[in-house]
Amino acid sequence: MNLKDIGEFGLITRLTSNSIFNDNNLIIGIGDDTAVLPWNEENYLLAACDTLVEDIHFIKGKSTPFQIGYKSVAVNFSDIAAMGGWPTAILISLGIPPDIKLEEIDQLYSGIKNICQKYGVNIIGGDTVSSPQKFFINVSVLGQVKKEHLHLRSHARKGDFIFVTGPLGDSAAGLELILNEYDFIPHYVEAKLLQKHLLPEPCLEEIKVLNLLPGVHALNDISDGLASEANEIAEASQLGIKLYAHKIPISPEAELLGKLINKDPLDWALAGGEDFQLIGTISPEAKEGLQDIFEKKLNKPLYIIGEVIEEKGVYLDINKKVISLTKKGYNHFSL
């Protein structure tokens, strides 16, 4: 059997079965955006890691070292936000090929330190090793969350509304521009979409607002695409999710790019990934209050795009035609 036969998620299941040997020191293990560990009377400790590999997650010459450093940390902060928490410290491990210049490492760390300074997060350790060909960076993140603010994928309830914190598909649209040379795209469109792909911003300010009022239940960050993340919430909660295509927010820039190159931006939103917006569920009683405070505090809407239903699975309503959505986001080892 080859890795492509089971894919990334199959491999994770295979490797992580029977992996808990002392559950006295564990609240939540493998299966959510981060692990959750005991800490003190008010807070849990959060822990996660992510790896970015050259030619898989970034392309040299298309991303600057600053952008690679910034993004490698941002994706980890996004996992902490998806649990309702705030990052406190990171550890960094680098695999450095022989052709990397010292100046490139300096610029990489400039990006890392920039985002850490922005959110008050300390760099507390790591490791450096040689790599024969490709550059890679692994970031491990620690964070904290108040016990009453912990949000899991399994927390969805029947009748909840589905929300997202911002437009989807911009990052995949930016990747489209990186992989293809178009000479007829307006500069402002190209600049906006490339920034969303190369310098994503974790929803840390958004989670602070979402935690102000009760009513938010399940949460997930959109790293592999809306379809994949919605399926994770549905599976973990043992419920179903119905999404409405016309309510899924698409930015004007992604809409315009789609028209210019004859591609549907909804596909970018559903399967593109790396938007790092949050998808969550919210009680009907809390919906209007949270939408109101979200817009007042952040000057942008909280988008309601669907609902939690009893029938298991994820479904998309497109012009009153309902189709089933599978996990079709980015999946390592699938090629």
C-alpha atoms as a PDB file:
ATOM      1  CA  MET A   1       0.000   0.000   0.000  1.00  0.00           C
ATOM      2  CA  ASN A   2       1.261   3.464  -0.900  1.00  0.00           C
ATOM      3  CA  LEU A   3       0.697   6.741   0.951  1.00  0.00           C
ATOM      4  CA  LYS A   4      -1.471   8.046  -1.891  1.00  0.00           C
ATOM      5  CA  ASP A   5      -3.831   5.110  -1.354  1.00  0.00           C
ATOM      6  CA  ILE A   6      -4.839   6.355   2.100  1.00  0.00           C
ATOM      7  CA  GLY A   7      -4.022  10.079   1.808  1.00  0.00           C
ATOM      8  CA  GLU A   8      -3.061  12.527   4.543  1.00  0.00           C
ATOM      9  CA  PHE A   9      -6.063  11.934   6.803  1.00  0.00           C
ATOM     10  CA  GLY A  10      -5.785   8.160   6.503  1.00  0.00           C
ATOM     11  CA  LEU A  11      -2.111   8.350   7.458  1.00  0.00           C
ATOM     12  CA  ILE A  12      -2.906  10.503  10.486  1.00  0.00           C
ATOM     13  CA  THR A  13      -5.513   7.990  11.649  1.00  0.00           C
ATOM     14  CA  ARG A  14      -3.072   5.127  11.140  1.00  0.00           C
ATOM     15  CA  LEU A  15      -0.248   6.806  13.079  1.00  0.00           C
ATOM     16  CA  THR A  16      -2.276   8.190  15.968  1.00  0.00           C
ATOM     17  CA  SER A  17      -4.362   5.184  16.964  1.00  0.00           C
ATOM     18  CA  ASN A  18      -3.540   3.935  20.488  1.00  0.00           C
ATOM     19  CA  SER A  19      -1.293   6.950  21.164  1.00  0.00           C
ATOM     20  CA  ILE A  20      -2.564   8.109  24.580  1.00  0.00           C
ATOM     21  CA  PHE A  21      -0.700   6.459  27.463  1.00  0.00           C
ATOM     22  CA  ASN A  22      -1.498   8.858  30.325  1.00  0.00           C
ATOM     23  CA  ASP A  23      -4.837  10.614  30.007  1.00  0.00           C
ATOM     24  CA  ASN A  24      -4.507  12.126  33.479  1.00  0.00           C
ATOM     25  CA  ASN A  25      -2.421  14.908  31.890  1.00  0.00           C
ATOM     26  CA  LEU A  26      -4.648  15.502  28.868  1.00  0.00           C
ATOM     27  CA  ILE A  27      -7.940  17.264  28.195  1.00  0.00           C
ATOM     28  CA  ILE A  28      -8.103  16.971  24.375  1.00  0.00           C
ATOM     29  CA  GLY A  29      -5.558  15.067  22.301  1.00  0.00           C
ATOM     30  CA  ILE A  30      -5.327  14.512  18.558  1.00  0.00           C
ATOM     31  CA  GLY A  31      -8.309  15.503  16.435  1.00  0.00           C
ATOM     32  CA  ASP A  32      -8.863  19.235  16.861  1.00  0.00           C
ATOM     33  CA  ASP A  33      -6.924  22.356  15.858  1.00  0.00           C
ATOM     34  CA  THR A  34      -4.678  22.023  18.932  1.00  0.00           C
ATOM     35  CA  ALA A  35      -4.159  19.734  21.876  1.00  0.00           C
ATOM     36  CA  VAL A  36      -5.636  20.926  25.180  1.00  0.00           C
ATOM     37  CA  LEU A  37      -3.705  20.334  28.393  1.00  0.00           C
ATOM     38  CA  PRO A  38      -4.364  21.127  32.069  1.00  0.00           C
ATOM     39  CA  TRP A  39      -2.812  24.354  33.346  1.00  0.00           C
ATOM     40  CA  ASN A  40      -4.489  26.259  36.179  1.00  0.00           C
ATOM     41  CA  GLU A  41      -7.921  26.921  37.665  1.00  0.00           C
ATOM     42  CA  GLU A  42      -8.954  29.454  34.993  1.00  0.00           C
ATOM     43  CA  ASN A  43      -7.073  28.389  31.833  1.00  0.00           C
ATOM     44  CA  TYR A  44      -6.125  25.452  29.673  1.00  0.00           C
ATOM     45  CA  LEU A  45      -2.769  25.151  27.896  1.00  0.00           C
ATOM     46  CA  LEU A  46      -2.939  24.830  24.069  1.00  0.00           C
ATOM     47  CA  ALA A  47      -0.234  23.223  21.898  1.00  0.00           C
ATOM     48  CA  ALA A  48       0.117  22.664  18.137  1.00  0.00           C
ATOM     49  CA  CYS A  49       2.662  22.623  15.327  1.00  0.00           C
ATOM     50  CA  ASP A  50       2.790  23.111  11.553  1.00  0.00           C
ATOM     51  CA  THR A  51       5.447  22.544   8.916  1.00  0.00           C
ATOM     52  CA  LEU A  52       5.996  24.502   5.696  1.00  0.00           C
ATOM     53  CA  VAL A  53       8.083  22.810   3.003  1.00  0.00           C
ATOM     54  CA  GLU A  54       9.666  24.409  -0.070  1.00  0.00           C
ATOM     55  CA  ASP A  55       7.737  23.692  -3.303  1.00  0.00           C
ATOM     56  CA  ILE A  56       4.764  22.366  -1.292  1.00  0.00           C
ATOM     57  CA  HIS A  57       3.735  25.375   0.811  1.00  0.00           C
ATOM     58  CA  PHE A  58       5.874  28.059  -0.806  1.00  0.00           C
ATOM     59  CA  ILE A  59       7.987  28.555  -3.924  1.00  0.00           C
ATOM     60  CA  LYS A  60      11.392  30.217  -3.697  1.00  0.00           C
ATOM     61  CA  GLY A  61      11.446  33.282  -5.883  1.00  0.00           C
ATOM     62  CA  LYS A  62       7.668  33.661  -5.542  1.00  0.00           C
ATOM     63  CA  SER A  63       7.729  34.193  -1.768  1.00  0.00           C
ATOM     64  CA  THR A  64      10.263  36.337   0.069  1.00  0.00           C
ATOM     65  CA  PRO A  65      11.990  34.944   3.180  1.00  0.00           C
ATOM     66  CA  PHE A  66      10.100  37.575   5.241  1.00  0.00           C
ATOM     67  CA  GLN A  67       6.772  36.307   3.890  1.00  0.00           C
ATOM     68  CA  ILE A  68       7.700  32.666   4.547  1.00  0.00           C
ATOM     69  CA  GLY A  69       8.648  33.461   8.139  1.00  0.00           C
ATOM     70  CA  TYR A  70       5.514  35.502   8.768  1.00  0.00           C
ATOM     71  CA  LYS A  71       3.184  32.907   7.245  1.00  0.00           C
ATOM     72  CA  SER A  72       4.777  29.972   9.065  1.00  0.00           C
ATOM     73  CA  VAL A  73       3.875  31.611  12.370  1.00  0.00           C
ATOM     74  CA  ALA A  74       0.489  32.946  11.242  1.00  0.00           C
ATOM     75  CA  VAL A  75      -0.806  29.449  10.411  1.00  0.00           C
ATOM     76  CA  ASN A  76       0.014  28.316  13.953  1.00  0.00           C
ATOM     77  CA  PHE A  77      -1.597  31.360  15.554  1.00  0.00           C
ATOM     78  CA  SER A  78      -4.688  30.552  13.490  1.00  0.00           C
ATOM     79  CA  ASP A  79      -4.947  27.134  15.178  1.00  0.00           C
ATOM     80  CA  ILE A  80      -4.846  28.798  18.599  1.00  0.00           C
ATOM     81  CA  ALA A  81      -7.570  31.264  17.564  1.00  0.00           C
ATOM     82  CA  ALA A  82      -9.747  28.366  16.396  1.00  0.00           C
ATOM     83  CA  MET A  83      -9.752  26.995  19.947  1.00  0.00           C
ATOM     84  CA  GLY A  84     -10.844  30.346  21.404  1.00  0.00           C
ATOM     85  CA  GLY A  85      -7.371  31.130  22.736  1.00  0.00           C
ATOM     86  CA  TRP A  86      -4.347  33.393  22.440  1.00  0.00           C
ATOM     87  CA  PRO A  87      -0.754  32.358  21.552  1.00  0.00           C
ATOM     88  CA  THR A  88       1.961  32.886  24.159  1.00  0.00           C
ATOM     89  CA  ALA A  89       5.173  31.298  22.784  1.00  0.00           C
ATOM     90  CA  ILE A  90       6.658  29.508  19.773  1.00  0.00           C
ATOM     91  CA  LEU A  91       9.562  27.172  19.042  1.00  0.00           C
ATOM     92  CA  ILE A  92      11.112  27.089  15.564  1.00  0.00           C
ATOM     93  CA  SER A  93      12.951  24.291  13.754  1.00  0.00           C
ATOM     94  CA  LEU A  94      14.661  24.897  10.418  1.00  0.00           C
ATOM     95  CA  GLY A  95      15.922  22.515   7.740  1.00  0.00           C
ATOM     96  CA  ILE A  96      18.533  24.538   5.852  1.00  0.00           C
ATOM     97  CA  PRO A  97      19.939  23.459   2.442  1.00  0.00           C
ATOM     98  CA  PRO A  98      23.523  24.408   1.546  1.00  0.00           C
ATOM     99  CA  ASP A  99      22.576  27.117  -0.980  1.00  0.00           C
ATOM    100  CA  ILE A 100      20.723  29.301   1.566  1.00  0.00           C
ATOM    101  CA  LYS A 101      22.465  32.589   2.325  1.00  0.00           C
ATOM    102  CA  LEU A 102      22.744  34.017   5.826  1.00  0.00           C
ATOM    103  CA  GLU A 103      20.864  37.118   4.690  1.00  0.00           C
ATOM    104  CA  GLU A 104      17.872  34.943   3.770  1.00  0.00           C
ATOM    105  CA  ILE A 105      17.776  33.473   7.288  1.00  0.00           C
ATOM    106  CA  ASP A 106      17.934  37.001   8.714  1.00  0.00           C
ATOM    107  CA  GLN A 107      14.992  38.058   6.543  1.00  0.00           C
ATOM    108  CA  LEU A 108      13.067  34.908   7.505  1.00  0.00           C
ATOM    109  CA  TYR A 109      13.474  35.754  11.181  1.00  0.00           C
ATOM    110  CA  SER A 110      12.498  39.336  10.484  1.00  0.00           C
ATOM    111  CA  GLY A 111       9.097  38.040   9.334  1.00  0.00           C
ATOM    112  CA  ILE A 112       8.844  35.701  12.336  1.00  0.00           C
ATOM    113  CA  LYS A 113       9.691  38.466  14.800  1.00  0.00           C
ATOM    114  CA  ASN A 114       7.337  40.909  13.097  1.00  0.00           C
ATOM    115  CA  ILE A 115       4.214  38.826  13.710  1.00  0.00           C
ATOM    116  CA  CYS A 116       5.378  37.728  17.163  1.00  0.00           C
ATOM    117  CA  GLN A 117       5.900  41.341  18.205  1.00  0.00           C
ATOM    118  CA  LYS A 118       2.484  42.279  16.788  1.00  0.00           C
ATOM    119  CA  TYR A 119       0.725  39.796  19.070  1.00  0.00           C
ATOM    120  CA  GLY A 120       3.115  39.808  22.035  1.00  0.00           C
ATOM    121  CA  VAL A 121       4.356  36.240  21.567  1.00  0.00           C
ATOM    122  CA  ASN A 122       7.806  35.037  22.697  1.00  0.00           C
ATOM    123  CA  ILE A 123      10.260  32.916  20.694  1.00  0.00           C
ATOM    124  CA  ILE A 124      11.557  30.455  23.284  1.00  0.00           C
ATOM    125  CA  GLY A 125      13.594  27.831  21.412  1.00  0.00           C
ATOM    126  CA  GLY A 126      13.852  25.424  18.524  1.00  0.00           C
ATOM    127  CA  ASP A 127      16.388  23.545  16.418  1.00  0.00           C
ATOM    128  CA  THR A 128      18.407  23.912  13.211  1.00  0.00           C
ATOM    129  CA  VAL A 129      19.492  21.049  10.952  1.00  0.00           C
ATOM    130  CA  SER A 130      20.946  20.708   7.477  1.00  0.00           C
ATOM    131  CA  SER A 131      18.655  19.640   4.632  1.00  0.00           C
ATOM    132  CA  PRO A 132      20.135  18.134   1.451  1.00  0.00           C
ATOM    133  CA  GLN A 133      17.917  20.038  -1.015  1.00  0.00           C
ATOM    134  CA  LYS A 134      14.701  21.706   0.152  1.00  0.00           C
ATOM    135  CA  PHE A 135      14.176  24.298   2.862  1.00  0.00           C
ATOM    136  CA  PHE A 136      11.565  23.616   5.537  1.00  0.00           C
ATOM    137  CA  ILE A 137      10.387  25.324   8.699  1.00  0.00           C
ATOM    138  CA  ASN A 138       8.420  23.856  11.570  1.00  0.00           C
ATOM    139  CA  VAL A 139       6.774  26.059  14.179  1.00  0.00           C
ATOM    140  CA  SER A 140       5.397  24.738  17.454  1.00  0.00           C
ATOM    141  CA  VAL A 141       3.046  27.068  19.298  1.00  0.00           C
ATOM    142  CA  LEU A 142       1.835  27.271  22.874  1.00  0.00           C
ATOM    143  CA  GLY A 143      -1.209  29.249  23.920  1.00  0.00           C
ATOM    144  CA  GLN A 144      -3.797  29.686  26.597  1.00  0.00           C
ATOM    145  CA  VAL A 145      -7.578  29.743  26.663  1.00  0.00           C
ATOM    146  CA  LYS A 146     -10.020  30.486  29.445  1.00  0.00           C
ATOM    147  CA  LYS A 147     -11.940  27.321  30.214  1.00  0.00           C
ATOM    148  CA  GLU A 148     -15.296  28.934  29.409  1.00  0.00           C
ATOM    149  CA  HIS A 149     -13.974  30.087  26.001  1.00  0.00           C
ATOM    150  CA  LEU A 150     -12.708  26.707  24.772  1.00  0.00           C
ATOM    151  CA  HIS A 151     -14.316  25.857  21.414  1.00  0.00           C
ATOM    152  CA  LEU A 152     -14.038  22.384  19.882  1.00  0.00           C
ATOM    153  CA  ARG A 153     -15.109  21.040  16.506  1.00  0.00           C
ATOM    154  CA  SER A 154     -17.442  18.710  18.390  1.00  0.00           C
ATOM    155  CA  HIS A 155     -19.415  21.528  20.049  1.00  0.00           C
ATOM    156  CA  ALA A 156     -21.948  22.143  17.235  1.00  0.00           C
ATOM    157  CA  ARG A 157     -25.614  21.837  18.173  1.00  0.00           C
ATOM    158  CA  LYS A 158     -28.649  21.132  16.039  1.00  0.00           C
ATOM    159  CA  GLY A 159     -30.261  24.422  15.009  1.00  0.00           C
ATOM    160  CA  ASP A 160     -27.038  26.444  15.245  1.00  0.00           C
ATOM    161  CA  PHE A 161     -26.206  28.835  12.438  1.00  0.00           C
ATOM    162  CA  ILE A 162     -22.904  28.471  10.533  1.00  0.00           C
ATOM    163  CA  PHE A 163     -20.741  31.579  10.314  1.00  0.00           C
ATOM    164  CA  VAL A 164     -17.406  32.609   8.813  1.00  0.00           C
ATOM    165  CA  THR A 165     -15.340  35.624   9.810  1.00  0.00           C
ATOM    166  CA  GLY A 166     -14.425  36.880   6.341  1.00  0.00           C
ATOM    167  CA  PRO A 167     -14.337  36.327   2.562  1.00  0.00           C
ATOM    168  CA  LEU A 168     -13.112  32.955   1.320  1.00  0.00           C
ATOM    169  CA  GLY A 169     -11.064  31.968  -1.720  1.00  0.00           C
ATOM    170  CA  ASP A 170      -8.657  34.915  -1.745  1.00  0.00           C
ATOM    171  CA  SER A 171      -5.621  32.802  -0.870  1.00  0.00           C
ATOM    172  CA  ALA A 172      -6.343  30.217  -3.570  1.00  0.00           C
ATOM    173  CA  ALA A 173      -6.888  33.054  -6.032  1.00  0.00           C
ATOM    174  CA  GLY A 174      -3.501  34.454  -5.019  1.00  0.00           C
ATOM    175  CA  LEU A 175      -1.908  31.060  -5.604  1.00  0.00           C
ATOM    176  CA  GLU A 176      -3.530  31.014  -9.042  1.00  0.00           C
ATOM    177  CA  LEU A 177      -1.654  34.243  -9.818  1.00  0.00           C
ATOM    178  CA  ILE A 178       1.609  32.806  -8.525  1.00  0.00           C
ATOM    179  CA  LEU A 179       1.372  29.644 -10.615  1.00  0.00           C
ATOM    180  CA  ASN A 180       0.269  31.365 -13.831  1.00  0.00           C
ATOM    181  CA  GLU A 181       1.497  34.483 -15.601  1.00  0.00           C
ATOM    182  CA  TYR A 182      -1.430  36.715 -16.525  1.00  0.00           C
ATOM    183  CA  ASP A 183      -0.605  40.103 -18.018  1.00  0.00           C
ATOM    184  CA  PHE A 184      -4.170  41.507 -17.993  1.00  0.00           C
ATOM    185  CA  ILE A 185      -4.994  41.480 -14.259  1.00  0.00           C
ATOM    186  CA  PRO A 186      -5.479  44.912 -12.638  1.00  0.00           C
ATOM    187  CA  HIS A 187      -2.675  45.721 -10.227  1.00  0.00           C
ATOM    188  CA  TYR A 188      -4.961  46.281  -7.236  1.00  0.00           C
ATOM    189  CA  VAL A 189      -6.538  42.843  -7.733  1.00  0.00           C
ATOM    190  CA  GLU A 190      -3.163  41.146  -7.976  1.00  0.00           C
ATOM    191  CA  ALA A 191      -1.772  43.011  -4.947  1.00  0.00           C
ATOM    192  CA  LYS A 192      -4.741  42.173  -2.712  1.00  0.00           C
ATOM    193  CA  LEU A 193      -4.904  38.480  -3.595  1.00  0.00           C
ATOM    194  CA  LEU A 194      -1.150  37.919  -3.394  1.00  0.00           C
ATOM    195  CA  GLN A 195      -1.078  39.520   0.037  1.00  0.00           C
ATOM    196  CA  LYS A 196      -3.864  37.222   1.243  1.00  0.00           C
ATOM    197  CA  HIS A 197      -1.863  34.177   0.116  1.00  0.00           C
ATOM    198  CA  LEU A 198       1.632  35.280   1.122  1.00  0.00           C
ATOM    199  CA  LEU A 199       0.882  37.214   4.328  1.00  0.00           C
ATOM    200  CA  PRO A 200      -2.262  35.704   5.874  1.00  0.00           C
ATOM    201  CA  GLU A 201      -3.510  37.199   9.133  1.00  0.00           C
ATOM    202  CA  PRO A 202      -4.747  34.906  11.926  1.00  0.00           C
ATOM    203  CA  CYS A 203      -8.161  35.751  13.383  1.00  0.00           C
ATOM    204  CA  LEU A 204      -6.879  36.661  16.832  1.00  0.00           C
ATOM    205  CA  GLU A 205      -8.702  39.963  17.065  1.00  0.00           C
ATOM    206  CA  GLU A 206     -11.830  38.227  15.809  1.00  0.00           C
ATOM    207  CA  ILE A 207     -11.714  35.554  18.524  1.00  0.00           C
ATOM    208  CA  LYS A 208     -11.411  38.195  21.222  1.00  0.00           C
ATOM    209  CA  VAL A 209     -14.706  39.661  19.996  1.00  0.00           C
ATOM    210  CA  LEU A 210     -16.398  36.273  19.568  1.00  0.00           C
ATOM    211  CA  ASN A 211     -15.509  35.471  23.176  1.00  0.00           C
ATOM    212  CA  LEU A 212     -17.252  38.586  24.504  1.00  0.00           C
ATOM    213  CA  LEU A 213     -20.721  37.019  24.429  1.00  0.00           C
ATOM    214  CA  PRO A 214     -21.931  33.434  24.967  1.00  0.00           C
ATOM    215  CA  GLY A 215     -23.424  31.506  22.079  1.00  0.00           C
ATOM    216  CA  VAL A 216     -20.432  30.484  19.943  1.00  0.00           C
ATOM    217  CA  HIS A 217     -20.154  26.698  19.999  1.00  0.00           C
ATOM    218  CA  ALA A 218     -17.951  24.804  17.486  1.00  0.00           C
ATOM    219  CA  LEU A 219     -14.966  26.459  15.776  1.00  0.00           C
ATOM    220  CA  ASN A 220     -12.407  25.515  13.129  1.00  0.00           C
ATOM    221  CA  ASP A 221      -9.908  27.493  11.095  1.00  0.00           C
ATOM    222  CA  ILE A 222     -10.126  27.343   7.307  1.00  0.00           C
ATOM    223  CA  SER A 223      -6.751  25.956   6.285  1.00  0.00           C
ATOM    224  CA  ASP A 224      -7.820  23.231   3.827  1.00  0.00           C
ATOM    225  CA  GLY A 225     -10.954  24.840   2.363  1.00  0.00           C
ATOM    226  CA  LEU A 226     -14.519  25.448   3.540  1.00  0.00           C
ATOM    227  CA  ALA A 227     -15.760  22.006   2.451  1.00  0.00           C
ATOM    228  CA  SER A 228     -13.050  20.203   4.401  1.00  0.00           C
ATOM    229  CA  GLU A 229     -13.438  22.256   7.582  1.00  0.00           C
ATOM    230  CA  ALA A 230     -17.249  22.001   7.544  1.00  0.00           C
ATOM    231  CA  ASN A 231     -16.918  18.235   7.245  1.00  0.00           C
ATOM    232  CA  GLU A 232     -14.578  18.151  10.227  1.00  0.00           C
ATOM    233  CA  ILE A 233     -17.128  19.985  12.388  1.00  0.00           C
ATOM    234  CA  ALA A 234     -19.988  17.794  11.152  1.00  0.00           C
ATOM    235  CA  GLU A 235     -18.083  14.562  11.777  1.00  0.00           C
ATOM    236  CA  ALA A 236     -16.827  15.618  15.209  1.00  0.00           C
ATOM    237  CA  SER A 237     -20.299  16.783  16.287  1.00  0.00           C
ATOM    238  CA  GLN A 238     -22.109  13.788  14.721  1.00  0.00           C
ATOM    239  CA  LEU A 239     -24.491  16.176  12.957  1.00  0.00           C
ATOM    240  CA  GLY A 240     -24.918  17.686   9.505  1.00  0.00           C
ATOM    241  CA  ILE A 241     -24.233  21.069   7.963  1.00  0.00           C
ATOM    242  CA  LYS A 242     -26.151  22.792   5.186  1.00  0.00           C
ATOM    243  CA  LEU A 243     -24.424  25.686   3.415  1.00  0.00           C
ATOM    244  CA  TYR A 244     -25.955  28.199   1.029  1.00  0.00           C
ATOM    245  CA  ALA A 245     -23.755  29.070  -1.944  1.00  0.00           C
ATOM    246  CA  HIS A 246     -25.136  32.606  -2.362  1.00  0.00           C
ATOM    247  CA  LYS A 247     -24.264  33.424   1.251  1.00  0.00           C
ATOM    248  CA  ILE A 248     -20.603  32.352   1.091  1.00  0.00           C
ATOM    249  CA  PRO A 249     -18.614  35.612   1.019  1.00  0.00           C
ATOM    250  CA  ILE A 250     -16.352  36.132  -1.995  1.00  0.00           C
ATOM    251  CA  SER A 251     -14.228  39.286  -2.231  1.00  0.00           C
ATOM    252  CA  PRO A 252     -14.700  41.656  -5.209  1.00  0.00           C
ATOM    253  CA  GLU A 253     -11.093  40.954  -6.207  1.00  0.00           C
ATOM    254  CA  ALA A 254     -11.608  37.172  -6.329  1.00  0.00           C
ATOM    255  CA  GLU A 255     -14.889  37.657  -8.193  1.00  0.00           C
ATOM    256  CA  LEU A 256     -13.160  39.817 -10.816  1.00  0.00           C
ATOM    257  CA  LEU A 257     -10.221  37.438 -11.225  1.00  0.00           C
ATOM    258  CA  GLY A 258     -12.644  34.557 -11.701  1.00  0.00           C
ATOM    259  CA  LYS A 259     -14.445  36.430 -14.483  1.00  0.00           C
ATOM    260  CA  LEU A 260     -11.185  37.414 -16.187  1.00  0.00           C
ATOM    261  CA  ILE A 261      -9.756  33.877 -16.282  1.00  0.00           C
ATOM    262  CA  ASN A 262     -13.089  32.016 -16.558  1.00  0.00           C
ATOM    263  CA  LYS A 263     -12.906  30.246 -13.203  1.00  0.00           C
ATOM    264  CA  ASP A 264     -15.546  29.994 -10.475  1.00  0.00           C
ATOM    265  CA  PRO A 265     -14.325  31.678  -7.257  1.00  0.00           C
ATOM    266  CA  LEU A 266     -16.733  29.482  -5.295  1.00  0.00           C
ATOM    267  CA  ASP A 267     -14.398  26.565  -6.073  1.00  0.00           C
ATOM    268  CA  TRP A 268     -11.520  28.520  -4.492  1.00  0.00           C
ATOM    269  CA  ALA A 269     -13.652  29.138  -1.395  1.00  0.00           C
ATOM    270  CA  LEU A 270     -14.761  25.513  -1.051  1.00  0.00           C
ATOM    271  CA  ALA A 271     -11.509  23.703  -1.808  1.00  0.00           C
ATOM    272  CA  GLY A 272      -8.670  26.224  -2.066  1.00  0.00           C
ATOM    273  CA  GLY A 273      -7.691  26.557   1.584  1.00  0.00           C
ATOM    274  CA  GLU A 274      -5.235  28.793   3.434  1.00  0.00           C
ATOM    275  CA  ASP A 275      -7.758  31.571   4.022  1.00  0.00           C
ATOM    276  CA  PHE A 276      -7.316  31.133   7.803  1.00  0.00           C
ATOM    277  CA  GLN A 277     -10.715  32.648   8.486  1.00  0.00           C
ATOM    278  CA  LEU A 278     -12.741  30.959  11.217  1.00  0.00           C
ATOM    279  CA  ILE A 279     -15.809  28.821  10.587  1.00  0.00           C
ATOM    280  CA  GLY A 280     -18.060  28.238  13.554  1.00  0.00           C
ATOM    281  CA  THR A 281     -21.534  27.555  14.828  1.00  0.00           C
ATOM    282  CA  ILE A 282     -23.637  29.962  16.834  1.00  0.00           C
ATOM    283  CA  SER A 283     -26.921  29.584  18.689  1.00  0.00           C
ATOM    284  CA  PRO A 284     -30.015  31.241  17.173  1.00  0.00           C
ATOM    285  CA  GLU A 285     -30.475  33.259  20.369  1.00  0.00           C
ATOM    286  CA  ALA A 286     -26.969  34.731  20.153  1.00  0.00           C
ATOM    287  CA  LYS A 287     -26.817  35.354  16.387  1.00  0.00           C
ATOM    288  CA  GLU A 288     -28.025  38.961  16.179  1.00  0.00           C
ATOM    289  CA  GLY A 289     -26.162  40.101  19.288  1.00  0.00           C
ATOM    290  CA  LEU A 290     -22.857  38.647  18.119  1.00  0.00           C
ATOM    291  CA  GLN A 291     -23.279  39.952  14.595  1.00  0.00           C
ATOM    292  CA  ASP A 292     -23.904  43.407  16.015  1.00  0.00           C
ATOM    293  CA  ILE A 293     -20.937  43.473  18.393  1.00  0.00           C
ATOM    294  CA  PHE A 294     -18.661  41.884  15.757  1.00  0.00           C
ATOM    295  CA  GLU A 295     -19.454  44.655  13.266  1.00  0.00           C
ATOM    296  CA  LYS A 296     -19.140  47.410  15.862  1.00  0.00           C
ATOM    297  CA  LYS A 297     -15.788  46.198  17.210  1.00  0.00           C
ATOM    298  CA  LEU A 298     -14.152  45.147  13.927  1.00  0.00           C
ATOM    299  CA  ASN A 299     -16.026  47.234  11.343  1.00  0.00           C
ATOM    300  CA  LYS A 300     -16.849  44.187   9.226  1.00  0.00           C
ATOM    301  CA  PRO A 301     -19.690  41.657   9.122  1.00  0.00           C
ATOM    302  CA  LEU A 302     -19.924  38.210  10.643  1.00  0.00           C
ATOM    303  CA  TYR A 303     -21.223  36.168   7.705  1.00  0.00           C
ATOM    304  CA  ILE A 304     -24.010  33.644   8.304  1.00  0.00           C
ATOM    305  CA  ILE A 305     -23.685  30.995   5.577  1.00  0.00           C
ATOM    306  CA  GLY A 306     -25.678  27.976   6.729  1.00  0.00           C
ATOM    307  CA  GLU A 307     -27.132  25.908   9.536  1.00  0.00           C
ATOM    308  CA  VAL A 308     -26.548  22.760  11.569  1.00  0.00           C
ATOM    309  CA  ILE A 309     -28.999  19.982  10.715  1.00  0.00           C
ATOM    310  CA  GLU A 310     -29.699  16.501  12.039  1.00  0.00           C
ATOM    311  CA  GLU A 311     -28.897  14.579   8.843  1.00  0.00           C
ATOM    312  CA  LYS A 312     -25.187  13.755   8.902  1.00  0.00           C
ATOM    313  CA  GLY A 313     -22.942  15.090   6.154  1.00  0.00           C
ATOM    314  CA  VAL A 314     -22.265  18.472   4.564  1.00  0.00           C
ATOM    315  CA  TYR A 315     -24.581  19.828   1.887  1.00  0.00           C
ATOM    316  CA  LEU A 316     -24.436  22.835  -0.418  1.00  0.00           C
ATOM    317  CA  ASP A 317     -27.569  24.556  -1.667  1.00  0.00           C
ATOM    318  CA  ILE A 318     -26.875  26.107  -5.094  1.00  0.00           C
ATOM    319  CA  ASN A 319     -29.969  27.800  -6.481  1.00  0.00           C
ATOM    320  CA  LYS A 320     -32.173  25.369  -4.488  1.00  0.00           C
ATOM    321  CA  LYS A 321     -30.300  22.349  -5.854  1.00  0.00           C
ATOM    322  CA  VAL A 322     -28.673  20.514  -2.933  1.00  0.00           C
ATOM    323  CA  ILE A 323     -25.432  18.598  -3.445  1.00  0.00           C
ATOM    324  CA  SER A 324     -23.237  16.668  -1.023  1.00  0.00           C
ATOM    325  CA  LEU A 325     -19.837  18.175  -0.183  1.00  0.00           C
ATOM    326  CA  THR A 326     -16.948  15.866   0.644  1.00  0.00           C
ATOM    327  CA  LYS A 327     -13.553  16.781   2.090  1.00  0.00           C
ATOM    328  CA  LYS A 328     -12.007  18.035  -1.123  1.00  0.00           C
ATOM    329  CA  GLY A 329      -9.550  20.568   0.227  1.00  0.00           C
ATOM    330  CA  TYR A 330      -5.757  20.213   0.005  1.00  0.00           C
ATOM    331  CA  ASN A 331      -4.646  16.736   1.002  1.00  0.00           C
ATOM    332  CA  HIS A 332      -0.964  15.721   1.262  1.00  0.00           C
ATOM    333  CA  PHE A 333       0.028  12.408  -0.398  1.00  0.00           C
ATOM    334  CA  SER A 334      -3.058  12.465  -2.664  1.00  0.00           C
ATOM    335  CA  LEU A 335      -1.093  12.912  -5.903  1.00  0.00           C
END
